[in-house]
Amino acid sequence: MKLLLNLIINTVSVYIAAYIVPGVKTDLLGAAIASVVLGVLNTFLKPILLLLTLPITILTLGLFALVLNTIIVLLVSVLVPGFVVDSFLSAFLFGILLSLVSFFLNRLK
C-alpha cells in the first residue's frame, strides 16, 4: 500500500512539474512511467555518478549534484517515449521543481 501511495505521489509530482515548466511535455501515462524510471535511475545510477564526480561536487560545494540531476532527467526523457524535455535549462528547472513538489506532497501523507 505504501509503495502504491509513493508511486501516485511521484506521478502527480512529475505531472505537476511538467505542467509548470515550459519545455517539458507529458501525459498521465508518460508521467507514471517517467516517475518509475526516474526512481530506478536515482536509486542505482545517481550514487555511482555522485561518487565518480565527487571532486567537482566538492569543488562546487554540492551544486554539481543539480547538474547530475539534470542529466538524469534528460536520460529519462530519452528512455520514456511519453516524456519529452526540450532543453538542458528545462530539465534543470524541472529537477528543482520536482524536488519541491515531491517534498510538499510527501508532507501531506
C-alpha atoms as a PDB file:
ATOM      1  CA  MET A   1       0.000   0.000   0.000  1.00  0.00           C
ATOM      2  CA  LYS A   2       2.843   2.383   0.861  1.00  0.00           C
ATOM      3  CA  LEU A   3       4.584   1.612  -2.456  1.00  0.00           C
ATOM      4  CA  LEU A   4       1.410   2.415  -4.389  1.00  0.00           C
ATOM      5  CA  LEU A   5       0.971   5.684  -2.485  1.00  0.00           C
ATOM      6  CA  ASN A   6       4.575   6.669  -3.242  1.00  0.00           C
ATOM      7  CA  LEU A   7       4.055   5.855  -6.924  1.00  0.00           C
ATOM      8  CA  ILE A   8       0.928   8.012  -7.049  1.00  0.00           C
ATOM      9  CA  ILE A   9       2.676  10.906  -5.279  1.00  0.00           C
ATOM     10  CA  ASN A  10       5.686  10.695  -7.599  1.00  0.00           C
ATOM     11  CA  THR A  11       3.466  10.513 -10.684  1.00  0.00           C
ATOM     12  CA  VAL A  12       1.473  13.548  -9.592  1.00  0.00           C
ATOM     13  CA  SER A  13       4.725  15.383  -8.809  1.00  0.00           C
ATOM     14  CA  VAL A  14       6.121  14.670 -12.276  1.00  0.00           C
ATOM     15  CA  TYR A  15       2.823  15.683 -13.895  1.00  0.00           C
ATOM     16  CA  ILE A  16       2.589  18.968 -11.955  1.00  0.00           C
ATOM     17  CA  ALA A  17       6.230  19.868 -12.580  1.00  0.00           C
ATOM     18  CA  ALA A  18       5.857  19.075 -16.296  1.00  0.00           C
ATOM     19  CA  TYR A  19       2.751  21.264 -16.441  1.00  0.00           C
ATOM     20  CA  ILE A  20       4.545  24.240 -14.841  1.00  0.00           C
ATOM     21  CA  VAL A  21       7.949  24.098 -16.560  1.00  0.00           C
ATOM     22  CA  PRO A  22       7.915  25.212 -20.191  1.00  0.00           C
ATOM     23  CA  GLY A  23       9.683  22.761 -22.471  1.00  0.00           C
ATOM     24  CA  VAL A  24       8.590  19.628 -20.589  1.00  0.00           C
ATOM     25  CA  LYS A  25       5.667  17.741 -22.061  1.00  0.00           C
ATOM     26  CA  THR A  26       3.983  14.582 -20.827  1.00  0.00           C
ATOM     27  CA  ASP A  27       0.654  12.889 -20.350  1.00  0.00           C
ATOM     28  CA  LEU A  28      -0.503  10.968 -17.288  1.00  0.00           C
ATOM     29  CA  LEU A  29       0.795   7.602 -18.515  1.00  0.00           C
ATOM     30  CA  GLY A  30       4.126   9.162 -19.520  1.00  0.00           C
ATOM     31  CA  ALA A  31       4.361  10.787 -16.089  1.00  0.00           C
ATOM     32  CA  ALA A  32       3.747   7.423 -14.385  1.00  0.00           C
ATOM     33  CA  ILE A  33       6.395   5.658 -16.453  1.00  0.00           C
ATOM     34  CA  ALA A  34       8.799   8.579 -16.066  1.00  0.00           C
ATOM     35  CA  SER A  35       8.375   8.556 -12.281  1.00  0.00           C
ATOM     36  CA  VAL A  36       9.213   4.843 -12.132  1.00  0.00           C
ATOM     37  CA  VAL A  37      12.235   5.211 -14.427  1.00  0.00           C
ATOM     38  CA  LEU A  38      13.365   8.311 -12.529  1.00  0.00           C
ATOM     39  CA  GLY A  39      13.135   6.405  -9.250  1.00  0.00           C
ATOM     40  CA  VAL A  40      15.152   3.492 -10.630  1.00  0.00           C
ATOM     41  CA  LEU A  41      17.845   5.772 -12.062  1.00  0.00           C
ATOM     42  CA  ASN A  42      18.024   7.811  -8.851  1.00  0.00           C
ATOM     43  CA  THR A  43      18.394   4.599  -6.859  1.00  0.00           C
ATOM     44  CA  PHE A  44      21.065   2.876  -8.941  1.00  0.00           C
ATOM     45  CA  LEU A  45      22.777   5.364 -11.268  1.00  0.00           C
ATOM     46  CA  LYS A  46      22.883   8.588  -9.250  1.00  0.00           C
ATOM     47  CA  PRO A  47      25.051   7.249  -6.378  1.00  0.00           C
ATOM     48  CA  ILE A  48      27.597   5.958  -8.900  1.00  0.00           C
ATOM     49  CA  LEU A  49      27.658   9.293 -10.720  1.00  0.00           C
ATOM     50  CA  LEU A  50      27.981  11.195  -7.452  1.00  0.00           C
ATOM     51  CA  LEU A  51      30.931   9.029  -6.459  1.00  0.00           C
ATOM     52  CA  LEU A  52      32.634   9.477  -9.828  1.00  0.00           C
ATOM     53  CA  THR A  53      32.150  13.247  -9.782  1.00  0.00           C
ATOM     54  CA  LEU A  54      32.928  13.726  -6.103  1.00  0.00           C
ATOM     55  CA  PRO A  55      35.912  16.078  -6.629  1.00  0.00           C
ATOM     56  CA  ILE A  56      33.958  18.524  -8.802  1.00  0.00           C
ATOM     57  CA  THR A  57      30.938  18.234  -6.487  1.00  0.00           C
ATOM     58  CA  ILE A  58      33.101  19.192  -3.518  1.00  0.00           C
ATOM     59  CA  LEU A  59      34.746  21.986  -5.509  1.00  0.00           C
ATOM     60  CA  THR A  60      31.337  23.471  -6.397  1.00  0.00           C
ATOM     61  CA  LEU A  61      30.041  22.982  -2.848  1.00  0.00           C
ATOM     62  CA  GLY A  62      27.473  20.438  -3.975  1.00  0.00           C
ATOM     63  CA  LEU A  63      25.948  22.450  -6.808  1.00  0.00           C
ATOM     64  CA  PHE A  64      27.199  19.956  -9.387  1.00  0.00           C
ATOM     65  CA  ALA A  65      24.671  17.496  -7.937  1.00  0.00           C
ATOM     66  CA  LEU A  66      21.997  19.647  -9.605  1.00  0.00           C
ATOM     67  CA  VAL A  67      23.745  19.129 -12.942  1.00  0.00           C
ATOM     68  CA  LEU A  68      23.759  15.366 -12.328  1.00  0.00           C
ATOM     69  CA  ASN A  69      20.055  15.538 -11.542  1.00  0.00           C
ATOM     70  CA  THR A  70      19.538  17.391 -14.829  1.00  0.00           C
ATOM     71  CA  ILE A  71      21.461  14.727 -16.739  1.00  0.00           C
ATOM     72  CA  ILE A  72      19.288  12.022 -15.185  1.00  0.00           C
ATOM     73  CA  VAL A  73      16.116  13.917 -16.181  1.00  0.00           C
ATOM     74  CA  LEU A  74      17.434  14.184 -19.755  1.00  0.00           C
ATOM     75  CA  LEU A  75      18.201  10.457 -19.709  1.00  0.00           C
ATOM     76  CA  VAL A  76      14.629   9.731 -18.595  1.00  0.00           C
ATOM     77  CA  SER A  77      13.453  11.880 -21.493  1.00  0.00           C
ATOM     78  CA  VAL A  78      15.403   9.669 -23.885  1.00  0.00           C
ATOM     79  CA  LEU A  79      14.182   6.417 -22.315  1.00  0.00           C
ATOM     80  CA  VAL A  80      10.472   7.223 -21.879  1.00  0.00           C
ATOM     81  CA  PRO A  81       8.598   7.957 -25.115  1.00  0.00           C
ATOM     82  CA  GLY A  82       5.724   9.893 -23.494  1.00  0.00           C
ATOM     83  CA  PHE A  83       8.038  12.242 -21.593  1.00  0.00           C
ATOM     84  CA  VAL A  84       9.727  14.995 -23.616  1.00  0.00           C
ATOM     85  CA  VAL A  85      12.241  17.567 -22.362  1.00  0.00           C
ATOM     86  CA  ASP A  86      13.291  20.216 -24.880  1.00  0.00           C
ATOM     87  CA  SER A  87      16.465  21.679 -23.369  1.00  0.00           C
ATOM     88  CA  PHE A  88      19.033  21.483 -20.606  1.00  0.00           C
ATOM     89  CA  LEU A  89      17.501  24.509 -18.877  1.00  0.00           C
ATOM     90  CA  SER A  90      14.045  22.951 -18.939  1.00  0.00           C
ATOM     91  CA  ALA A  91      15.453  19.768 -17.398  1.00  0.00           C
ATOM     92  CA  PHE A  92      17.310  21.807 -14.776  1.00  0.00           C
ATOM     93  CA  LEU A  93      14.176  23.730 -13.771  1.00  0.00           C
ATOM     94  CA  PHE A  94      12.110  20.535 -13.889  1.00  0.00           C
ATOM     95  CA  GLY A  95      14.512  18.794 -11.479  1.00  0.00           C
ATOM     96  CA  ILE A  96      14.385  21.644  -8.982  1.00  0.00           C
ATOM     97  CA  LEU A  97      10.599  22.000  -9.195  1.00  0.00           C
ATOM     98  CA  LEU A  98      10.103  18.228  -8.989  1.00  0.00           C
ATOM     99  CA  SER A  99      12.058  18.159  -5.744  1.00  0.00           C
ATOM    100  CA  LEU A 100       9.931  20.942  -4.277  1.00  0.00           C
ATOM    101  CA  VAL A 101       6.599  19.478  -5.380  1.00  0.00           C
ATOM    102  CA  SER A 102       7.569  15.999  -4.152  1.00  0.00           C
ATOM    103  CA  PHE A 103       8.613  17.444  -0.809  1.00  0.00           C
ATOM    104  CA  PHE A 104       5.282  19.197  -0.294  1.00  0.00           C
ATOM    105  CA  LEU A 105       3.180  16.256  -1.468  1.00  0.00           C
ATOM    106  CA  ASN A 106       5.109  13.828   0.740  1.00  0.00           C
ATOM    107  CA  ARG A 107       4.460  16.102   3.721  1.00  0.00           C
ATOM    108  CA  LEU A 108       0.710  15.676   3.130  1.00  0.00           C
ATOM    109  CA  LYS A 109       0.656  11.902   3.567  1.00  0.00           C
END
